[in-house]
Amino acid sequence: MKKILLFLLALAATTLVWAQDSTIVIPDTLVTPELLNSEATELLNSETTAEPSIISRVEQWYASNMNYATITILMAIESSFIPFPSEIVIPPAAYVADDPNSSLHATDSYGINVLIIILFGTLGAIIGAIINYLLAMWLGRPIIYAFAESKLGRLCLLSKEKVQKAEEYFNEHGKVSTFVGRLIPGIRQLISIPAGLCKMHFGWFLFYTFLGAGIWNVVLALLGYIAHGQKDLIDAYSHELSIAIMGIFALAIVYFIIKALIKRQKK
């Protein structure tokens, strides 16, 4: 027993001596304050760097890609018979107009930048409305209704009922309907068609279209302006807002699928 204890003590002493002799000593010249600071910075960045949210990505995309020409083109498309929501053009553009890196940052005045966006958006809306007006005037009622019922027309979310509704609204309210109709969802894109069918005076058509489209774009730009005022709050809750947006988008897709299935069953 004593021999075993002596052997264990000798083994422990030998191990301690070997460990002490084999200790790795790092020269003081290798450990510098700069090295420690850089390592601490890298560690902090690795812990705090998070993947950009959907809102941040959209904001960066608009700042890099949106300009006054694209605003005009997209709003012209929105104002024609091609379905395209103006709500995804003007408000985000107004939101990023204060970013110095954005193509929409034309001046140092944020208010003037937003005003320019409204003007170019209204110009695009007028161009799209003129396209509808001229097509309706040249093609006539039979061809317009036939196009609305065609596969291409349905692909553009047109229908005989929608065109007829716009025409009835125009007939009930007269020339002012070109102005008021621009503010009513479901009517605003199509109100220029009955104006062309009735061969409304082109000057009055442009005037009322300018007023209606201008007011609508002011409302949309104000939404972007107000959101920009809450930018810090939006950035703080960007992750939660991204989840909410994705949820709303998913619900919208489900809604349109169910609506299409119900419509097909009725036929």
Protein backbone atom coordinates (compact mmCIF):
# COMPACT_ATOMS: atom_id res chain seq x y z
CA MET A 1 0.00 0.00 0.00
CA LYS A 2 2.82 2.36 0.93
CA LYS A 3 4.55 1.57 -2.36
CA ILE A 4 1.39 2.46 -4.27
CA LEU A 5 1.02 5.79 -2.41
CA LEU A 6 4.66 6.66 -2.99
CA PHE A 7 4.24 5.81 -6.70
CA LEU A 8 1.19 8.07 -7.03
CA LEU A 9 2.94 10.95 -5.22
CA ALA A 10 5.95 10.60 -7.47
CA LEU A 11 3.71 10.54 -10.55
CA ALA A 12 1.87 13.69 -9.42
CA ALA A 13 5.11 15.55 -8.71
CA THR A 14 6.50 14.58 -12.10
CA THR A 15 3.32 15.80 -13.83
CA LEU A 16 3.46 19.20 -12.06
CA VAL A 17 7.09 19.69 -12.97
CA TRP A 18 6.39 18.79 -16.64
CA ALA A 19 3.43 21.14 -16.79
CA GLN A 20 5.43 24.00 -15.31
CA ASP A 21 8.32 23.44 -17.68
CA SER A 22 6.06 23.17 -20.73
CA THR A 23 4.04 26.33 -20.07
CA ILE A 24 3.76 28.41 -23.26
CA VAL A 25 4.91 31.94 -22.67
CA ILE A 26 3.57 34.58 -25.09
CA PRO A 27 6.02 37.43 -25.59
CA ASP A 28 4.75 40.79 -24.41
CA THR A 29 5.55 42.26 -27.81
CA LEU A 30 2.81 40.15 -29.42
CA VAL A 31 0.06 41.33 -27.06
CA THR A 32 -0.57 44.95 -27.93
CA PRO A 33 -3.49 47.26 -27.07
CA GLU A 34 -4.26 47.57 -30.79
CA LEU A 35 -4.56 43.78 -31.12
CA LEU A 36 -6.83 43.55 -28.10
CA ASN A 37 -9.00 46.42 -29.39
CA SER A 38 -9.29 44.91 -32.87
CA GLU A 39 -10.23 41.51 -31.46
CA ALA A 40 -12.79 43.10 -29.15
CA THR A 41 -14.27 45.08 -32.06
CA GLU A 42 -14.54 41.98 -34.24
CA LEU A 43 -16.21 40.07 -31.41
CA LEU A 44 -18.67 42.91 -30.81
CA ASN A 45 -19.51 43.20 -34.50
CA SER A 46 -20.05 39.46 -34.81
CA GLU A 47 -22.48 39.55 -31.90
CA THR A 48 -24.39 42.68 -32.85
CA THR A 49 -24.51 42.33 -36.67
CA ALA A 50 -27.95 41.05 -37.66
CA GLU A 51 -29.38 40.21 -41.05
CA PRO A 52 -31.24 43.20 -42.56
CA SER A 53 -35.02 43.08 -42.25
CA ILE A 54 -37.40 43.11 -45.19
CA ILE A 55 -38.14 46.80 -44.57
CA SER A 56 -34.43 47.66 -44.62
CA ARG A 57 -33.91 45.71 -47.84
CA VAL A 58 -36.86 47.42 -49.52
CA GLU A 59 -35.62 50.82 -48.38
CA GLN A 60 -32.13 50.10 -49.74
CA TRP A 61 -33.58 48.87 -53.04
CA TYR A 62 -35.71 51.98 -53.51
CA ALA A 63 -32.78 54.25 -52.64
CA SER A 64 -30.56 52.49 -55.20
CA ASN A 65 -33.00 51.89 -58.06
CA MET A 66 -35.88 54.35 -57.92
CA ASN A 67 -35.58 57.62 -59.87
CA TYR A 68 -37.94 60.17 -61.39
CA ALA A 69 -38.06 58.38 -64.75
CA THR A 70 -39.10 55.08 -63.19
CA ILE A 71 -41.73 56.85 -61.07
CA THR A 72 -43.21 58.38 -64.24
CA ILE A 73 -43.23 55.05 -66.09
CA LEU A 74 -44.70 53.05 -63.21
CA MET A 75 -47.43 55.62 -62.57
CA ALA A 76 -48.27 55.65 -66.29
CA ILE A 77 -48.69 51.88 -66.13
CA GLU A 78 -50.80 52.22 -62.97
CA SER A 79 -53.05 54.79 -64.60
CA SER A 80 -53.64 52.68 -67.72
CA PHE A 81 -55.66 49.46 -67.88
CA ILE A 82 -52.63 47.41 -66.70
CA PRO A 83 -53.07 46.59 -62.99
CA PHE A 84 -50.26 48.09 -60.91
CA PRO A 85 -50.74 49.64 -57.44
CA SER A 86 -49.58 53.23 -56.99
CA GLU A 87 -49.32 52.52 -53.26
CA ILE A 88 -46.00 50.72 -53.81
CA VAL A 89 -44.54 53.59 -55.86
CA ILE A 90 -45.19 57.00 -54.29
CA PRO A 91 -45.08 56.34 -50.49
CA PRO A 92 -41.75 54.42 -50.50
CA ALA A 93 -40.27 57.00 -52.89
CA ALA A 94 -41.27 59.82 -50.55
CA TYR A 95 -39.86 57.82 -47.64
CA VAL A 96 -36.34 57.55 -49.11
CA ALA A 97 -36.25 61.01 -50.73
CA ASP A 98 -34.29 62.38 -47.78
CA ASP A 99 -31.50 59.81 -48.19
CA PRO A 100 -28.41 61.55 -49.68
CA ASN A 101 -27.51 58.28 -51.46
CA SER A 102 -30.89 58.07 -53.18
CA SER A 103 -31.45 59.15 -56.80
CA LEU A 104 -34.55 60.96 -55.52
CA HIS A 105 -32.41 63.26 -53.37
CA ALA A 106 -32.50 66.10 -55.92
CA THR A 107 -32.10 68.94 -53.41
CA ASP A 108 -31.15 69.37 -49.77
CA SER A 109 -34.78 70.21 -49.01
CA TYR A 110 -36.78 67.09 -48.17
CA GLY A 111 -40.07 68.90 -48.85
CA ILE A 112 -39.00 69.93 -52.35
CA ASN A 113 -37.87 66.36 -53.10
CA VAL A 114 -41.31 65.04 -52.12
CA LEU A 115 -42.98 67.74 -54.23
CA ILE A 116 -40.92 66.68 -57.27
CA ILE A 117 -41.99 63.07 -56.69
CA ILE A 118 -45.64 64.19 -56.67
CA LEU A 119 -45.19 66.12 -59.92
CA PHE A 120 -43.52 63.24 -61.77
CA GLY A 121 -46.05 60.78 -60.37
CA THR A 122 -48.89 63.00 -61.59
CA LEU A 123 -47.23 63.32 -65.00
CA GLY A 124 -47.10 59.53 -65.27
CA ALA A 125 -50.76 59.25 -64.23
CA ILE A 126 -51.75 61.73 -66.95
CA ILE A 127 -49.80 59.77 -69.59
CA GLY A 128 -51.54 56.53 -68.60
CA ALA A 129 -54.94 58.22 -68.61
CA ILE A 130 -54.30 59.63 -72.10
CA ILE A 131 -53.50 56.11 -73.33
CA ASN A 132 -56.88 54.86 -72.05
CA TYR A 133 -58.68 57.91 -73.44
CA LEU A 134 -57.23 57.58 -76.96
CA LEU A 135 -57.70 53.81 -77.14
CA ALA A 136 -61.34 54.11 -76.09
CA MET A 137 -61.99 56.96 -78.52
CA TRP A 138 -60.35 55.23 -81.50
CA LEU A 139 -61.49 51.63 -80.87
CA GLY A 140 -65.04 52.37 -79.76
CA ARG A 141 -67.40 50.70 -77.29
CA PRO A 142 -67.79 47.23 -78.96
CA ILE A 143 -64.05 46.59 -79.17
CA ILE A 144 -63.39 47.92 -75.64
CA TYR A 145 -66.03 45.62 -74.16
CA ALA A 146 -64.78 42.70 -76.26
CA PHE A 147 -61.23 43.32 -75.02
CA ALA A 148 -62.46 43.46 -71.41
CA GLU A 149 -64.00 39.99 -71.84
CA SER A 150 -60.96 38.51 -73.61
CA LYS A 151 -58.26 36.44 -71.93
CA LEU A 152 -55.81 39.33 -72.15
CA GLY A 153 -58.38 41.69 -70.64
CA ARG A 154 -59.04 39.32 -67.77
CA LEU A 155 -55.31 38.98 -67.27
CA CYS A 156 -55.32 42.76 -66.80
CA LEU A 157 -58.11 42.27 -64.22
CA LEU A 158 -60.67 43.84 -66.57
CA SER A 159 -64.24 42.71 -67.07
CA LYS A 160 -67.38 43.86 -68.81
CA GLU A 161 -68.91 44.71 -65.43
CA LYS A 162 -65.98 46.95 -64.41
CA VAL A 163 -66.02 48.92 -67.66
CA GLN A 164 -69.79 49.24 -67.49
CA LYS A 165 -69.57 50.47 -63.90
CA ALA A 166 -67.04 53.13 -64.88
CA GLU A 167 -69.20 54.21 -67.81
CA GLU A 168 -72.33 54.47 -65.67
CA TYR A 169 -70.44 56.52 -63.09
CA PHE A 170 -69.20 58.85 -65.83
CA ASN A 171 -72.70 59.28 -67.28
CA GLU A 172 -74.21 60.03 -63.86
CA HIS A 173 -71.64 62.62 -62.76
CA GLY A 174 -70.58 64.17 -66.05
CA LYS A 175 -67.18 65.75 -66.60
CA VAL A 176 -66.46 66.11 -62.88
CA SER A 177 -66.41 62.30 -62.67
CA THR A 178 -62.99 62.39 -64.34
CA PHE A 179 -61.77 64.27 -61.26
CA VAL A 180 -63.76 62.47 -58.54
CA GLY A 181 -63.30 59.05 -60.11
CA ARG A 182 -59.52 59.36 -59.77
CA LEU A 183 -59.99 59.19 -55.99
CA ILE A 184 -62.21 56.08 -55.94
CA PRO A 185 -60.57 52.61 -55.89
CA GLY A 186 -61.81 50.39 -58.69
CA ILE A 187 -62.88 53.41 -60.74
CA ARG A 188 -59.78 55.58 -60.83
CA GLN A 189 -57.85 53.54 -63.43
CA LEU A 190 -60.87 53.04 -65.71
CA ILE A 191 -62.59 56.44 -65.55
CA SER A 192 -60.63 57.67 -68.60
CA ILE A 193 -62.16 54.90 -70.76
CA PRO A 194 -65.74 56.26 -70.70
CA ALA A 195 -64.28 59.75 -71.15
CA GLY A 196 -62.75 58.53 -74.41
CA LEU A 197 -65.91 56.66 -75.44
CA CYS A 198 -67.95 59.84 -74.98
CA LYS A 199 -65.23 61.91 -76.67
CA MET A 200 -64.98 64.30 -73.74
CA HIS A 201 -63.26 67.61 -74.50
CA PHE A 202 -59.55 66.79 -74.30
CA GLY A 203 -58.62 70.00 -72.50
CA TRP A 204 -61.16 69.44 -69.73
CA PHE A 205 -60.12 65.80 -69.56
CA LEU A 206 -56.49 66.78 -68.93
CA PHE A 207 -57.50 69.41 -66.36
CA TYR A 208 -59.69 67.11 -64.26
CA THR A 209 -57.24 64.23 -64.56
CA PHE A 210 -54.43 66.48 -63.36
CA LEU A 211 -56.47 67.58 -60.33
CA GLY A 212 -57.61 64.09 -59.35
CA ALA A 213 -54.27 62.37 -59.91
CA GLY A 214 -52.43 65.23 -58.18
CA ILE A 215 -54.56 64.99 -55.04
CA TRP A 216 -54.22 61.20 -54.96
CA ASN A 217 -50.43 61.43 -55.23
CA VAL A 218 -50.31 64.08 -52.49
CA VAL A 219 -52.16 61.69 -50.17
CA LEU A 220 -49.78 58.85 -51.02
CA ALA A 221 -46.71 61.08 -50.60
CA LEU A 222 -47.98 62.24 -47.20
CA LEU A 223 -48.09 58.60 -46.08
CA GLY A 224 -44.42 58.23 -47.00
CA TYR A 225 -43.60 61.58 -45.38
CA ILE A 226 -45.33 60.61 -42.12
CA ALA A 227 -43.63 57.20 -42.13
CA HIS A 228 -40.26 58.93 -42.58
CA GLY A 229 -40.99 60.97 -39.47
CA GLN A 230 -41.35 57.69 -37.58
CA LYS A 231 -38.19 56.21 -39.10
CA ASP A 232 -36.51 55.55 -35.73
CA LEU A 233 -39.60 53.71 -34.48
CA ILE A 234 -39.84 51.72 -37.72
CA ASP A 235 -36.17 50.74 -37.50
CA ALA A 236 -36.61 49.67 -33.87
CA TYR A 237 -39.49 47.35 -34.75
CA SER A 238 -38.43 46.48 -38.30
CA HIS A 239 -38.30 42.75 -37.55
CA GLU A 240 -41.82 42.69 -36.14
CA LEU A 241 -43.13 44.83 -39.00
CA SER A 242 -41.48 42.52 -41.53
CA ILE A 243 -43.29 39.54 -40.04
CA ALA A 244 -46.59 41.46 -40.12
CA ILE A 245 -46.06 42.44 -43.77
CA MET A 246 -45.31 38.85 -44.76
CA GLY A 247 -48.43 37.72 -42.90
CA ILE A 248 -50.62 40.27 -44.68
CA PHE A 249 -49.09 39.30 -48.02
CA ALA A 250 -49.80 35.61 -47.37
CA LEU A 251 -53.40 36.37 -46.37
CA ALA A 252 -53.87 38.43 -49.55
CA ILE A 253 -52.65 35.53 -51.69
CA VAL A 254 -55.01 33.12 -49.92
CA TYR A 255 -57.89 35.58 -50.39
CA PHE A 256 -57.35 35.91 -54.15
CA ILE A 257 -56.97 32.14 -54.56
CA ILE A 258 -60.23 31.48 -52.70
CA LYS A 259 -61.98 34.24 -54.66
CA ALA A 260 -60.81 32.75 -57.97
CA LEU A 261 -61.93 29.26 -56.96
CA ILE A 262 -65.39 30.49 -55.92
CA LYS A 263 -65.74 32.40 -59.19
CA ARG A 264 -64.75 29.30 -61.17
CA GLN A 265 -67.28 27.12 -59.30
CA LYS A 266 -70.10 29.55 -60.07
CA LYS A 267 -69.36 29.22 -63.76
